[in-house]
PDB file of N, CA and C in Angstrom:
ATOM      1  N   MET A   1      12.481 133.308 145.827  1.00  0.00           N
ATOM      2  CA  MET A   1      11.814 134.398 145.178  1.00  0.00           C
ATOM      3  C   MET A   1      11.139 135.235 146.261  1.00  0.00           C
ATOM      4  N   SER A   2      11.162 136.534 146.070  1.00  0.00           N
ATOM      5  CA  SER A   2      10.486 137.458 146.974  1.00  0.00           C
ATOM      6  C   SER A   2       9.405 138.216 146.221  1.00  0.00           C
ATOM      7  N   VAL A   3       8.264 138.325 146.849  1.00  0.00           N
ATOM      8  CA  VAL A   3       7.159 139.111 146.315  1.00  0.00           C
ATOM      9  C   VAL A   3       6.942 140.248 147.294  1.00  0.00           C
ATOM     10  N   VAL A   4       6.888 141.483 146.788  1.00  0.00           N
ATOM     11  CA  VAL A   4       6.703 142.654 147.638  1.00  0.00           C
ATOM     12  C   VAL A   4       5.375 143.308 147.288  1.00  0.00           C
ATOM     13  N   ALA A   5       4.589 143.618 148.323  1.00  0.00           N
ATOM     14  CA  ALA A   5       3.288 144.247 148.102  1.00  0.00           C
ATOM     15  C   ALA A   5       3.054 145.317 149.162  1.00  0.00           C
ATOM     16  N   PRO A   6       2.565 146.483 148.743  1.00  0.00           N
ATOM     17  CA  PRO A   6       2.204 147.516 149.715  1.00  0.00           C
ATOM     18  C   PRO A   6       0.771 147.312 150.203  1.00  0.00           C
ATOM     19  N   MET A   7       0.508 147.768 151.412  1.00  0.00           N
ATOM     20  CA  MET A   7      -0.854 147.742 151.948  1.00  0.00           C
ATOM     21  C   MET A   7      -1.098 149.016 152.730  1.00  0.00           C
ATOM     22  N   TYR A   8      -2.310 149.532 152.585  1.00  0.00           N
ATOM     23  CA  TYR A   8      -2.729 150.695 153.353  1.00  0.00           C
ATOM     24  C   TYR A   8      -4.208 150.530 153.689  1.00  0.00           C
ATOM     25  N   ASN A   9      -4.482 150.373 154.973  1.00  0.00           N
ATOM     26  CA  ASN A   9      -5.855 150.193 155.460  1.00  0.00           C
ATOM     27  C   ASN A   9      -6.589 149.080 154.725  1.00  0.00           C
ATOM     28  N   GLU A  10      -6.030 147.885 154.816  1.00  0.00           N
ATOM     29  CA  GLU A  10      -6.587 146.705 154.135  1.00  0.00           C
ATOM     30  C   GLU A  10      -6.941 145.586 155.115  1.00  0.00           C
ATOM     31  N   VAL A  11      -7.316 145.935 156.333  1.00  0.00           N
ATOM     32  CA  VAL A  11      -7.552 144.920 157.358  1.00  0.00           C
ATOM     33  C   VAL A  11      -8.584 143.875 156.921  1.00  0.00           C
ATOM     34  N   ASP A  12      -9.571 144.277 156.136  1.00  0.00           N
ATOM     35  CA  ASP A  12     -10.611 143.335 155.723  1.00  0.00           C
ATOM     36  C   ASP A  12     -10.141 142.304 154.705  1.00  0.00           C
ATOM     37  N   SER A  13      -9.049 142.588 154.007  1.00  0.00           N
ATOM     38  CA  SER A  13      -8.603 141.668 152.954  1.00  0.00           C
ATOM     39  C   SER A  13      -7.209 141.097 153.183  1.00  0.00           C
ATOM     40  N   VAL A  14      -6.546 141.492 154.249  1.00  0.00           N
ATOM     41  CA  VAL A  14      -5.143 141.087 154.424  1.00  0.00           C
ATOM     42  C   VAL A  14      -4.989 139.568 154.560  1.00  0.00           C
ATOM     43  N   ARG A  15      -5.837 138.928 155.318  1.00  0.00           N
ATOM     44  CA  ARG A  15      -5.714 137.472 155.511  1.00  0.00           C
ATOM     45  C   ARG A  15      -5.942 136.718 154.194  1.00  0.00           C
ATOM     46  N   ALA A  16      -6.944 137.110 153.455  1.00  0.00           N
ATOM     47  CA  ALA A  16      -7.219 136.460 152.164  1.00  0.00           C
ATOM     48  C   ALA A  16      -6.078 136.714 151.187  1.00  0.00           C
ATOM     49  N   PHE A  17      -5.543 137.921 151.175  1.00  0.00           N
ATOM     50  CA  PHE A  17      -4.438 138.247 150.268  1.00  0.00           C
ATOM     51  C   PHE A  17      -3.225 137.369 150.549  1.00  0.00           C
ATOM     52  N   VAL A  18      -2.842 137.268 151.803  1.00  0.00           N
ATOM     53  CA  VAL A  18      -1.666 136.469 152.172  1.00  0.00           C
ATOM     54  C   VAL A  18      -1.903 135.001 151.829  1.00  0.00           C
ATOM     55  N   SER A  19      -3.049 134.481 152.189  1.00  0.00           N
ATOM     56  CA  SER A  19      -3.369 133.086 151.916  1.00  0.00           C
ATOM     57  C   SER A  19      -3.376 132.784 150.416  1.00  0.00           C
ATOM     58  N   ARG A  20      -4.027 133.619 149.649  1.00  0.00           N
ATOM     59  CA  ARG A  20      -4.121 133.391 148.205  1.00  0.00           C
ATOM     60  C   ARG A  20      -2.770 133.571 147.508  1.00  0.00           C
ATOM     61  N   THR A  21      -1.977 134.500 147.997  1.00  0.00           N
ATOM     62  CA  THR A  21      -0.660 134.704 147.388  1.00  0.00           C
ATOM     63  C   THR A  21       0.224 133.486 147.597  1.00  0.00           C
ATOM     64  N   PHE A  22       0.257 132.968 148.820  1.00  0.00           N
ATOM     65  CA  PHE A  22       1.057 131.767 149.068  1.00  0.00           C
ATOM     66  C   PHE A  22       0.517 130.571 148.289  1.00  0.00           C
ATOM     67  N   ALA A  23      -0.796 130.447 148.182  1.00  0.00           N
ATOM     68  CA  ALA A  23      -1.384 129.340 147.427  1.00  0.00           C
ATOM     69  C   ALA A  23      -1.031 129.442 145.945  1.00  0.00           C
ATOM     70  N   ALA A  24      -1.045 130.635 145.402  1.00  0.00           N
ATOM     71  CA  ALA A  24      -0.735 130.824 143.980  1.00  0.00           C
ATOM     72  C   ALA A  24       0.728 130.531 143.681  1.00  0.00           C
ATOM     73  N   LEU A  25       1.603 130.886 144.608  1.00  0.00           N
ATOM     74  CA  LEU A  25       3.038 130.669 144.383  1.00  0.00           C
ATOM     75  C   LEU A  25       3.418 129.224 144.644  1.00  0.00           C
ATOM     76  N   ASP A  26       2.738 128.582 145.605  1.00  0.00           N
ATOM     77  CA  ASP A  26       2.902 127.160 145.881  1.00  0.00           C
ATOM     78  C   ASP A  26       4.362 126.713 145.883  1.00  0.00           C
ATOM     79  N   ALA A  27       5.167 127.403 146.678  1.00  0.00           N
ATOM     80  CA  ALA A  27       6.583 127.039 146.767  1.00  0.00           C
ATOM     81  C   ALA A  27       7.089 127.301 148.173  1.00  0.00           C
ATOM     82  N   GLU A  28       7.998 126.471 148.601  1.00  0.00           N
ATOM     83  CA  GLU A  28       8.598 126.659 149.922  1.00  0.00           C
ATOM     84  C   GLU A  28       9.656 127.757 149.907  1.00  0.00           C
ATOM     85  N   GLN A  29      10.265 127.982 148.772  1.00  0.00           N
ATOM     86  CA  GLN A  29      11.364 128.948 148.670  1.00  0.00           C
ATOM     87  C   GLN A  29      10.869 130.314 148.213  1.00  0.00           C
ATOM     88  N   VAL A  30       9.815 130.779 148.834  1.00  0.00           N
ATOM     89  CA  VAL A  30       9.260 132.083 148.479  1.00  0.00           C
ATOM     90  C   VAL A  30       9.010 132.857 149.767  1.00  0.00           C
ATOM     91  N   GLU A  31       9.176 134.162 149.684  1.00  0.00           N
ATOM     92  CA  GLU A  31       8.820 135.002 150.814  1.00  0.00           C
ATOM     93  C   GLU A  31       7.926 136.127 150.312  1.00  0.00           C
ATOM     94  N   LEU A  32       7.002 136.517 151.156  1.00  0.00           N
ATOM     95  CA  LEU A  32       6.096 137.611 150.851  1.00  0.00           C
ATOM     96  C   LEU A  32       6.448 138.756 151.784  1.00  0.00           C
ATOM     97  N   VAL A  33       6.874 139.861 151.204  1.00  0.00           N
ATOM     98  CA  VAL A  33       7.225 141.052 151.977  1.00  0.00           C
ATOM     99  C   VAL A  33       6.082 142.035 151.797  1.00  0.00           C
ATOM    100  N   VAL A  34       5.391 142.315 152.890  1.00  0.00           N
ATOM    101  CA  VAL A  34       4.274 143.257 152.832  1.00  0.00           C
ATOM    102  C   VAL A  34       4.698 144.529 153.552  1.00  0.00           C
ATOM    103  N   VAL A  35       4.568 145.641 152.852  1.00  0.00           N
ATOM    104  CA  VAL A  35       4.927 146.939 153.414  1.00  0.00           C
ATOM    105  C   VAL A  35       3.647 147.629 153.868  1.00  0.00           C
ATOM    106  N   ASP A  36       3.516 147.787 155.186  1.00  0.00           N
ATOM    107  CA  ASP A  36       2.369 148.509 155.719  1.00  0.00           C
ATOM    108  C   ASP A  36       2.687 149.994 155.646  1.00  0.00           C
ATOM    109  N   ASP A  37       1.921 150.706 154.856  1.00  0.00           N
ATOM    110  CA  ASP A  37       2.189 152.113 154.557  1.00  0.00           C
ATOM    111  C   ASP A  37       1.474 153.058 155.526  1.00  0.00           C
ATOM    112  N   GLY A  38       1.642 152.786 156.833  1.00  0.00           N
ATOM    113  CA  GLY A  38       1.064 153.669 157.840  1.00  0.00           C
ATOM    114  C   GLY A  38      -0.417 153.452 158.072  1.00  0.00           C
ATOM    115  N   SER A  39      -0.883 152.237 157.949  1.00  0.00           N
ATOM    116  CA  SER A  39      -2.307 151.936 158.141  1.00  0.00           C
ATOM    117  C   SER A  39      -2.779 152.325 159.538  1.00  0.00           C
ATOM    118  N   THR A  40      -4.047 152.692 159.611  1.00  0.00           N
ATOM    119  CA  THR A  40      -4.642 153.086 160.895  1.00  0.00           C
ATOM    120  C   THR A  40      -5.836 152.214 161.277  1.00  0.00           C
ATOM    121  N   ASP A  41      -6.059 151.124 160.545  1.00  0.00           N
ATOM    122  CA  ASP A  41      -7.267 150.324 160.753  1.00  0.00           C
ATOM    123  C   ASP A  41      -7.021 148.920 161.299  1.00  0.00           C
ATOM    124  N   GLY A  42      -5.823 148.594 161.706  1.00  0.00           N
ATOM    125  CA  GLY A  42      -5.533 147.262 162.214  1.00  0.00           C
ATOM    126  C   GLY A  42      -4.820 146.365 161.221  1.00  0.00           C
ATOM    127  N   THR A  43      -4.500 146.888 160.055  1.00  0.00           N
ATOM    128  CA  THR A  43      -3.773 146.100 159.057  1.00  0.00           C
ATOM    129  C   THR A  43      -2.440 145.630 159.615  1.00  0.00           C
ATOM    130  N   ARG A  44      -1.724 146.525 160.248  1.00  0.00           N
ATOM    131  CA  ARG A  44      -0.407 146.193 160.800  1.00  0.00           C
ATOM    132  C   ARG A  44      -0.504 145.038 161.786  1.00  0.00           C
ATOM    133  N   GLU A  45      -1.470 145.104 162.685  1.00  0.00           N
ATOM    134  CA  GLU A  45      -1.622 144.064 163.702  1.00  0.00           C
ATOM    135  C   GLU A  45      -1.975 142.724 163.060  1.00  0.00           C
ATOM    136  N   ALA A  46      -2.835 142.741 162.061  1.00  0.00           N
ATOM    137  CA  ALA A  46      -3.203 141.501 161.357  1.00  0.00           C
ATOM    138  C   ALA A  46      -1.987 140.902 160.669  1.00  0.00           C
ATOM    139  N   LEU A  47      -1.178 141.739 160.047  1.00  0.00           N
ATOM    140  CA  LEU A  47       0.037 141.252 159.386  1.00  0.00           C
ATOM    141  C   LEU A  47       1.016 140.658 160.387  1.00  0.00           C
ATOM    142  N   VAL A  48       1.194 141.313 161.514  1.00  0.00           N
ATOM    143  CA  VAL A  48       2.111 140.809 162.539  1.00  0.00           C
ATOM    144  C   VAL A  48       1.639 139.457 163.061  1.00  0.00           C
ATOM    145  N   ASP A  49       0.339 139.306 163.271  1.00  0.00           N
ATOM    146  CA  ASP A  49      -0.210 138.016 163.718  1.00  0.00           C
ATOM    147  C   ASP A  49       0.059 136.922 162.687  1.00  0.00           C
ATOM    148  N   LEU A  50      -0.173 137.222 161.420  1.00  0.00           N
ATOM    149  CA  LEU A  50       0.071 136.242 160.363  1.00  0.00           C
ATOM    150  C   LEU A  50       1.562 135.910 160.250  1.00  0.00           C
ATOM    151  N   ALA A  51       2.410 136.905 160.396  1.00  0.00           N
ATOM    152  CA  ALA A  51       3.861 136.683 160.296  1.00  0.00           C
ATOM    153  C   ALA A  51       4.375 135.816 161.445  1.00  0.00           C
ATOM    154  N   ALA A  52       3.748 135.911 162.596  1.00  0.00           N
ATOM    155  CA  ALA A  52       4.144 135.079 163.730  1.00  0.00           C
ATOM    156  C   ALA A  52       3.886 133.600 163.443  1.00  0.00           C
ATOM    157  N   ALA A  53       2.895 133.331 162.606  1.00  0.00           N
ATOM    158  CA  ALA A  53       2.533 131.950 162.287  1.00  0.00           C
ATOM    159  C   ALA A  53       3.226 131.410 161.039  1.00  0.00           C
ATOM    160  N   ASP A  54       3.773 132.278 160.215  1.00  0.00           N
ATOM    161  CA  ASP A  54       4.395 131.842 158.965  1.00  0.00           C
ATOM    162  C   ASP A  54       5.669 132.637 158.703  1.00  0.00           C
ATOM    163  N   PRO A  55       6.819 132.004 158.846  1.00  0.00           N
ATOM    164  CA  PRO A  55       8.088 132.727 158.673  1.00  0.00           C
ATOM    165  C   PRO A  55       8.354 133.215 157.251  1.00  0.00           C
ATOM    166  N   ARG A  56       7.540 132.781 156.296  1.00  0.00           N
ATOM    167  CA  ARG A  56       7.712 133.264 154.914  1.00  0.00           C
ATOM    168  C   ARG A  56       7.142 134.664 154.716  1.00  0.00           C
ATOM    169  N   LEU A  57       6.383 135.141 155.693  1.00  0.00           N
ATOM    170  CA  LEU A  57       5.785 136.471 155.623  1.00  0.00           C
ATOM    171  C   LEU A  57       6.647 137.453 156.403  1.00  0.00           C
ATOM    172  N   ILE A  58       7.066 138.500 155.731  1.00  0.00           N
ATOM    173  CA  ILE A  58       7.888 139.541 156.345  1.00  0.00           C
ATOM    174  C   ILE A  58       7.110 140.845 156.275  1.00  0.00           C
ATOM    175  N   VAL A  59       7.023 141.528 157.413  1.00  0.00           N
ATOM    176  CA  VAL A  59       6.267 142.766 157.487  1.00  0.00           C
ATOM    177  C   VAL A  59       7.228 143.930 157.678  1.00  0.00           C
ATOM    178  N   VAL A  60       7.105 144.924 156.821  1.00  0.00           N
ATOM    179  CA  VAL A  60       7.858 146.169 156.941  1.00  0.00           C
ATOM    180  C   VAL A  60       6.842 147.235 157.313  1.00  0.00           C
ATOM    181  N   GLU A  61       7.082 147.908 158.430  1.00  0.00           N
ATOM    182  CA  GLU A  61       6.145 148.911 158.912  1.00  0.00           C
ATOM    183  C   GLU A  61       6.724 150.306 158.696  1.00  0.00           C
ATOM    184  N   LEU A  62       6.041 151.097 157.890  1.00  0.00           N
ATOM    185  CA  LEU A  62       6.438 152.487 157.712  1.00  0.00           C
ATOM    186  C   LEU A  62       5.798 153.328 158.811  1.00  0.00           C
ATOM    187  N   SER A  63       6.484 154.371 159.229  1.00  0.00           N
ATOM    188  CA  SER A  63       6.011 155.177 160.348  1.00  0.00           C
ATOM    189  C   SER A  63       4.769 156.002 160.016  1.00  0.00           C
ATOM    190  N   ARG A  64       4.572 156.279 158.735  1.00  0.00           N
ATOM    191  CA  ARG A  64       3.398 157.036 158.319  1.00  0.00           C
ATOM    192  C   ARG A  64       3.131 156.713 156.851  1.00  0.00           C
ATOM    193  N   ASN A  65       2.033 157.218 156.336  1.00  0.00           N
ATOM    194  CA  ASN A  65       1.688 156.976 154.941  1.00  0.00           C
ATOM    195  C   ASN A  65       2.580 157.811 154.021  1.00  0.00           C
ATOM    196  N   PHE A  66       3.223 157.148 153.097  1.00  0.00           N
ATOM    197  CA  PHE A  66       4.081 157.820 152.126  1.00  0.00           C
ATOM    198  C   PHE A  66       3.465 157.738 150.770  1.00  0.00           C
TER     199      PHE A  66
END
């Protein structure tokens, strides 16, 4: 199963969101695809750090806010 969520300037909540989403789904066969919609506050960097530690997290980076 794949869960897709957009984010824009959510650096303060990104870690909690990812952690709580995986805890709620509680499955090994799930992936979380987070689309960074051109954030300028460090959201992208936080997502990339989390994705490096958990292969179930996939980050899609948009070039600007759409």
